[in-house]
Amino acid sequence: MRNDNINSRMRRSLRTSAIDLTFWEKDRKGGYNQEKPKISRKQLIQIGLKELKQEIKLWKDEVTEKLISDPILVYRP
């Protein structure tokens, strides 16, 4: 009977993690109190469209390169 009582006390006091012993508070800004200026939606859309334009140009170049080097089209009778 005594062993059962000791085992149950040991199980309650045994912790597998140190979470109960530590205290950590997340700092949302990582220690810096700087605020970035807000960018308007119009500017965000303009920036996004410029990037999209560049990506479409790259994609177009990749597609033309793929079609030029395609062996089926090169050796077509």
N, C-alpha and C. Protein backbone atom coordinates (compact mmCIF):
# COMPACT_ATOMS: atom_id res chain seq x y z
N MET A 1 0.82 -1.19 0.00
CA MET A 1 0.00 0.00 0.00
C MET A 1 0.87 1.25 0.00
N ARG A 2 1.95 1.19 0.74
CA ARG A 2 2.82 2.36 0.84
C ARG A 2 3.52 2.65 -0.49
N ASN A 3 3.94 1.61 -1.23
CA ASN A 3 4.59 1.80 -2.53
C ASN A 3 3.66 2.48 -3.53
N ASP A 4 2.40 2.10 -3.52
CA ASP A 4 1.43 2.73 -4.42
C ASP A 4 1.31 4.22 -4.13
N ASN A 5 1.30 4.56 -2.86
CA ASN A 5 1.18 5.96 -2.47
C ASN A 5 2.41 6.76 -2.90
N ILE A 6 3.59 6.19 -2.75
CA ILE A 6 4.83 6.86 -3.14
C ILE A 6 4.89 7.01 -4.66
N ASN A 7 4.50 5.97 -5.38
CA ASN A 7 4.52 6.04 -6.84
C ASN A 7 3.57 7.11 -7.37
N SER A 8 2.41 7.22 -6.78
CA SER A 8 1.47 8.24 -7.25
C SER A 8 1.99 9.64 -6.94
N ARG A 9 2.67 9.83 -5.81
CA ARG A 9 3.26 11.13 -5.49
C ARG A 9 4.40 11.45 -6.45
N MET A 10 5.19 10.45 -6.81
CA MET A 10 6.31 10.67 -7.74
C MET A 10 5.79 11.03 -9.13
N ARG A 11 4.71 10.39 -9.54
CA ARG A 11 4.15 10.69 -10.85
C ARG A 11 3.62 12.12 -10.92
N ARG A 12 3.04 12.59 -9.85
CA ARG A 12 2.52 13.96 -9.83
C ARG A 12 3.64 14.99 -9.82
N SER A 13 4.75 14.70 -9.17
CA SER A 13 5.81 15.68 -9.07
C SER A 13 6.81 15.60 -10.22
N LEU A 14 6.79 14.54 -10.99
CA LEU A 14 7.73 14.38 -12.09
C LEU A 14 7.23 15.16 -13.30
N ARG A 15 8.05 16.09 -13.78
CA ARG A 15 7.69 16.90 -14.96
C ARG A 15 8.66 16.59 -16.08
N THR A 16 8.15 16.48 -17.28
CA THR A 16 9.02 16.20 -18.43
C THR A 16 9.43 17.46 -19.16
N SER A 17 8.87 18.60 -18.81
CA SER A 17 9.25 19.85 -19.46
C SER A 17 9.47 20.92 -18.41
N ALA A 18 10.19 21.95 -18.81
CA ALA A 18 10.52 23.02 -17.88
C ALA A 18 9.56 24.20 -18.01
N ILE A 19 8.44 24.01 -18.65
CA ILE A 19 7.51 25.11 -18.88
C ILE A 19 6.98 25.66 -17.56
N ASP A 20 6.74 24.81 -16.60
CA ASP A 20 6.21 25.28 -15.32
C ASP A 20 7.22 26.13 -14.56
N LEU A 21 8.50 25.95 -14.84
CA LEU A 21 9.52 26.64 -14.08
C LEU A 21 10.00 27.93 -14.75
N THR A 22 9.59 28.20 -15.95
CA THR A 22 10.07 29.39 -16.65
C THR A 22 8.94 30.37 -16.87
N PHE A 23 9.32 31.62 -17.08
CA PHE A 23 8.35 32.66 -17.38
C PHE A 23 8.87 33.42 -18.58
N TRP A 24 8.09 33.47 -19.64
CA TRP A 24 8.52 34.15 -20.85
C TRP A 24 7.34 34.93 -21.40
N GLU A 25 7.57 36.18 -21.65
CA GLU A 25 6.53 37.01 -22.23
C GLU A 25 7.00 37.47 -23.60
N LYS A 26 6.23 37.18 -24.59
CA LYS A 26 6.62 37.50 -25.96
C LYS A 26 6.57 39.00 -26.17
N ASP A 27 7.65 39.54 -26.74
CA ASP A 27 7.69 40.95 -27.08
C ASP A 27 7.31 41.06 -28.55
N ARG A 28 6.21 41.70 -28.81
CA ARG A 28 5.66 41.74 -30.15
C ARG A 28 6.61 42.40 -31.15
N LYS A 29 7.38 43.37 -30.69
CA LYS A 29 8.25 44.10 -31.60
C LYS A 29 9.69 43.64 -31.52
N GLY A 30 9.97 42.60 -30.80
CA GLY A 30 11.32 42.06 -30.74
C GLY A 30 12.30 42.99 -30.05
N GLY A 31 11.83 43.84 -29.16
CA GLY A 31 12.72 44.72 -28.43
C GLY A 31 12.92 46.08 -29.07
N TYR A 32 12.45 46.26 -30.28
CA TYR A 32 12.60 47.54 -30.96
C TYR A 32 11.26 48.27 -30.96
N ASN A 33 11.30 49.55 -30.72
CA ASN A 33 10.07 50.33 -30.69
C ASN A 33 9.90 51.15 -31.96
N GLN A 34 10.31 50.61 -33.06
CA GLN A 34 10.18 51.31 -34.33
C GLN A 34 8.90 50.86 -35.01
N GLU A 35 8.23 51.82 -35.60
CA GLU A 35 7.04 51.49 -36.37
C GLU A 35 7.29 51.81 -37.82
N LYS A 36 6.98 50.87 -38.68
CA LYS A 36 7.15 51.09 -40.11
C LYS A 36 6.00 51.96 -40.61
N PRO A 37 6.29 52.86 -41.54
CA PRO A 37 5.20 53.68 -42.07
C PRO A 37 4.22 52.81 -42.87
N LYS A 38 2.96 53.12 -42.71
CA LYS A 38 1.93 52.37 -43.43
C LYS A 38 1.94 52.77 -44.90
N ILE A 39 1.87 51.78 -45.76
CA ILE A 39 1.82 52.02 -47.20
C ILE A 39 0.36 51.92 -47.63
N SER A 40 -0.07 52.88 -48.43
CA SER A 40 -1.46 52.88 -48.85
C SER A 40 -1.73 51.71 -49.78
N ARG A 41 -3.00 51.37 -49.89
CA ARG A 41 -3.39 50.24 -50.75
C ARG A 41 -3.05 50.53 -52.21
N LYS A 42 -3.21 51.78 -52.60
CA LYS A 42 -2.91 52.15 -53.99
C LYS A 42 -1.44 51.88 -54.30
N GLN A 43 -0.55 52.27 -53.39
CA GLN A 43 0.88 52.02 -53.60
C GLN A 43 1.19 50.53 -53.60
N LEU A 44 0.55 49.78 -52.71
CA LEU A 44 0.76 48.33 -52.68
C LEU A 44 0.33 47.69 -54.00
N ILE A 45 -0.79 48.15 -54.54
CA ILE A 45 -1.27 47.60 -55.82
C ILE A 45 -0.30 47.96 -56.94
N GLN A 46 0.20 49.20 -56.93
CA GLN A 46 1.15 49.62 -57.96
C GLN A 46 2.43 48.78 -57.90
N ILE A 47 2.94 48.57 -56.70
CA ILE A 47 4.15 47.76 -56.53
C ILE A 47 3.89 46.33 -57.00
N GLY A 48 2.74 45.79 -56.62
CA GLY A 48 2.39 44.43 -57.02
C GLY A 48 2.27 44.28 -58.53
N LEU A 49 1.68 45.27 -59.19
CA LEU A 49 1.54 45.19 -60.64
C LEU A 49 2.89 45.30 -61.34
N LYS A 50 3.80 46.11 -60.81
CA LYS A 50 5.15 46.19 -61.38
C LYS A 50 5.86 44.85 -61.28
N GLU A 51 5.75 44.21 -60.11
CA GLU A 51 6.37 42.90 -59.93
C GLU A 51 5.73 41.86 -60.85
N LEU A 52 4.41 41.93 -61.00
CA LEU A 52 3.70 41.00 -61.88
C LEU A 52 4.16 41.18 -63.32
N LYS A 53 4.35 42.43 -63.74
CA LYS A 53 4.82 42.70 -65.09
C LYS A 53 6.19 42.07 -65.33
N GLN A 54 7.09 42.20 -64.36
CA GLN A 54 8.42 41.60 -64.49
C GLN A 54 8.34 40.08 -64.54
N GLU A 55 7.49 39.50 -63.71
CA GLU A 55 7.34 38.04 -63.70
C GLU A 55 6.75 37.53 -65.01
N ILE A 56 5.82 38.27 -65.59
CA ILE A 56 5.23 37.85 -66.87
C ILE A 56 6.29 37.90 -67.97
N LYS A 57 7.16 38.92 -67.94
CA LYS A 57 8.25 38.98 -68.92
C LYS A 57 9.18 37.77 -68.78
N LEU A 58 9.53 37.43 -67.55
CA LEU A 58 10.39 36.26 -67.33
C LEU A 58 9.71 34.98 -67.81
N TRP A 59 8.43 34.84 -67.51
CA TRP A 59 7.67 33.66 -67.93
C TRP A 59 7.62 33.56 -69.45
N LYS A 60 7.41 34.71 -70.11
CA LYS A 60 7.36 34.74 -71.58
C LYS A 60 8.69 34.29 -72.16
N ASP A 61 9.79 34.77 -71.59
CA ASP A 61 11.11 34.36 -72.06
C ASP A 61 11.33 32.86 -71.86
N GLU A 62 10.89 32.33 -70.73
CA GLU A 62 11.05 30.90 -70.46
C GLU A 62 10.24 30.06 -71.44
N VAL A 63 9.03 30.51 -71.75
CA VAL A 63 8.18 29.76 -72.67
C VAL A 63 8.77 29.78 -74.08
N THR A 64 9.24 30.95 -74.52
CA THR A 64 9.84 31.00 -75.86
C THR A 64 11.10 30.16 -75.94
N GLU A 65 11.90 30.17 -74.89
CA GLU A 65 13.11 29.33 -74.87
C GLU A 65 12.74 27.85 -74.92
N LYS A 66 11.69 27.48 -74.19
CA LYS A 66 11.24 26.08 -74.19
C LYS A 66 10.75 25.67 -75.57
N LEU A 67 10.01 26.56 -76.23
CA LEU A 67 9.50 26.23 -77.56
C LEU A 67 10.62 26.17 -78.59
N ILE A 68 11.61 27.03 -78.45
CA ILE A 68 12.73 27.02 -79.40
C ILE A 68 13.55 25.74 -79.25
N SER A 69 13.75 25.29 -78.04
CA SER A 69 14.58 24.11 -77.81
C SER A 69 13.80 22.80 -77.78
N ASP A 70 12.52 22.84 -78.10
CA ASP A 70 11.70 21.63 -78.08
C ASP A 70 12.08 20.73 -79.25
N PRO A 71 12.52 19.49 -78.99
CA PRO A 71 12.98 18.63 -80.09
C PRO A 71 11.86 18.23 -81.05
N ILE A 72 10.66 18.19 -80.61
CA ILE A 72 9.55 17.81 -81.50
C ILE A 72 9.36 18.89 -82.56
N LEU A 73 9.48 20.14 -82.18
CA LEU A 73 9.31 21.23 -83.14
C LEU A 73 10.55 21.42 -84.00
N VAL A 74 11.73 21.11 -83.47
CA VAL A 74 12.97 21.30 -84.22
C VAL A 74 13.08 20.29 -85.35
N TYR A 75 12.79 19.03 -85.10
CA TYR A 75 12.96 17.97 -86.10
C TYR A 75 11.65 17.60 -86.78
N ARG A 76 10.78 18.52 -86.89
CA ARG A 76 9.49 18.25 -87.53
C ARG A 76 9.67 18.25 -89.05
N PRO A 77 9.13 17.25 -89.74
CA PRO A 77 9.30 17.20 -91.21
C PRO A 77 8.44 18.20 -91.93
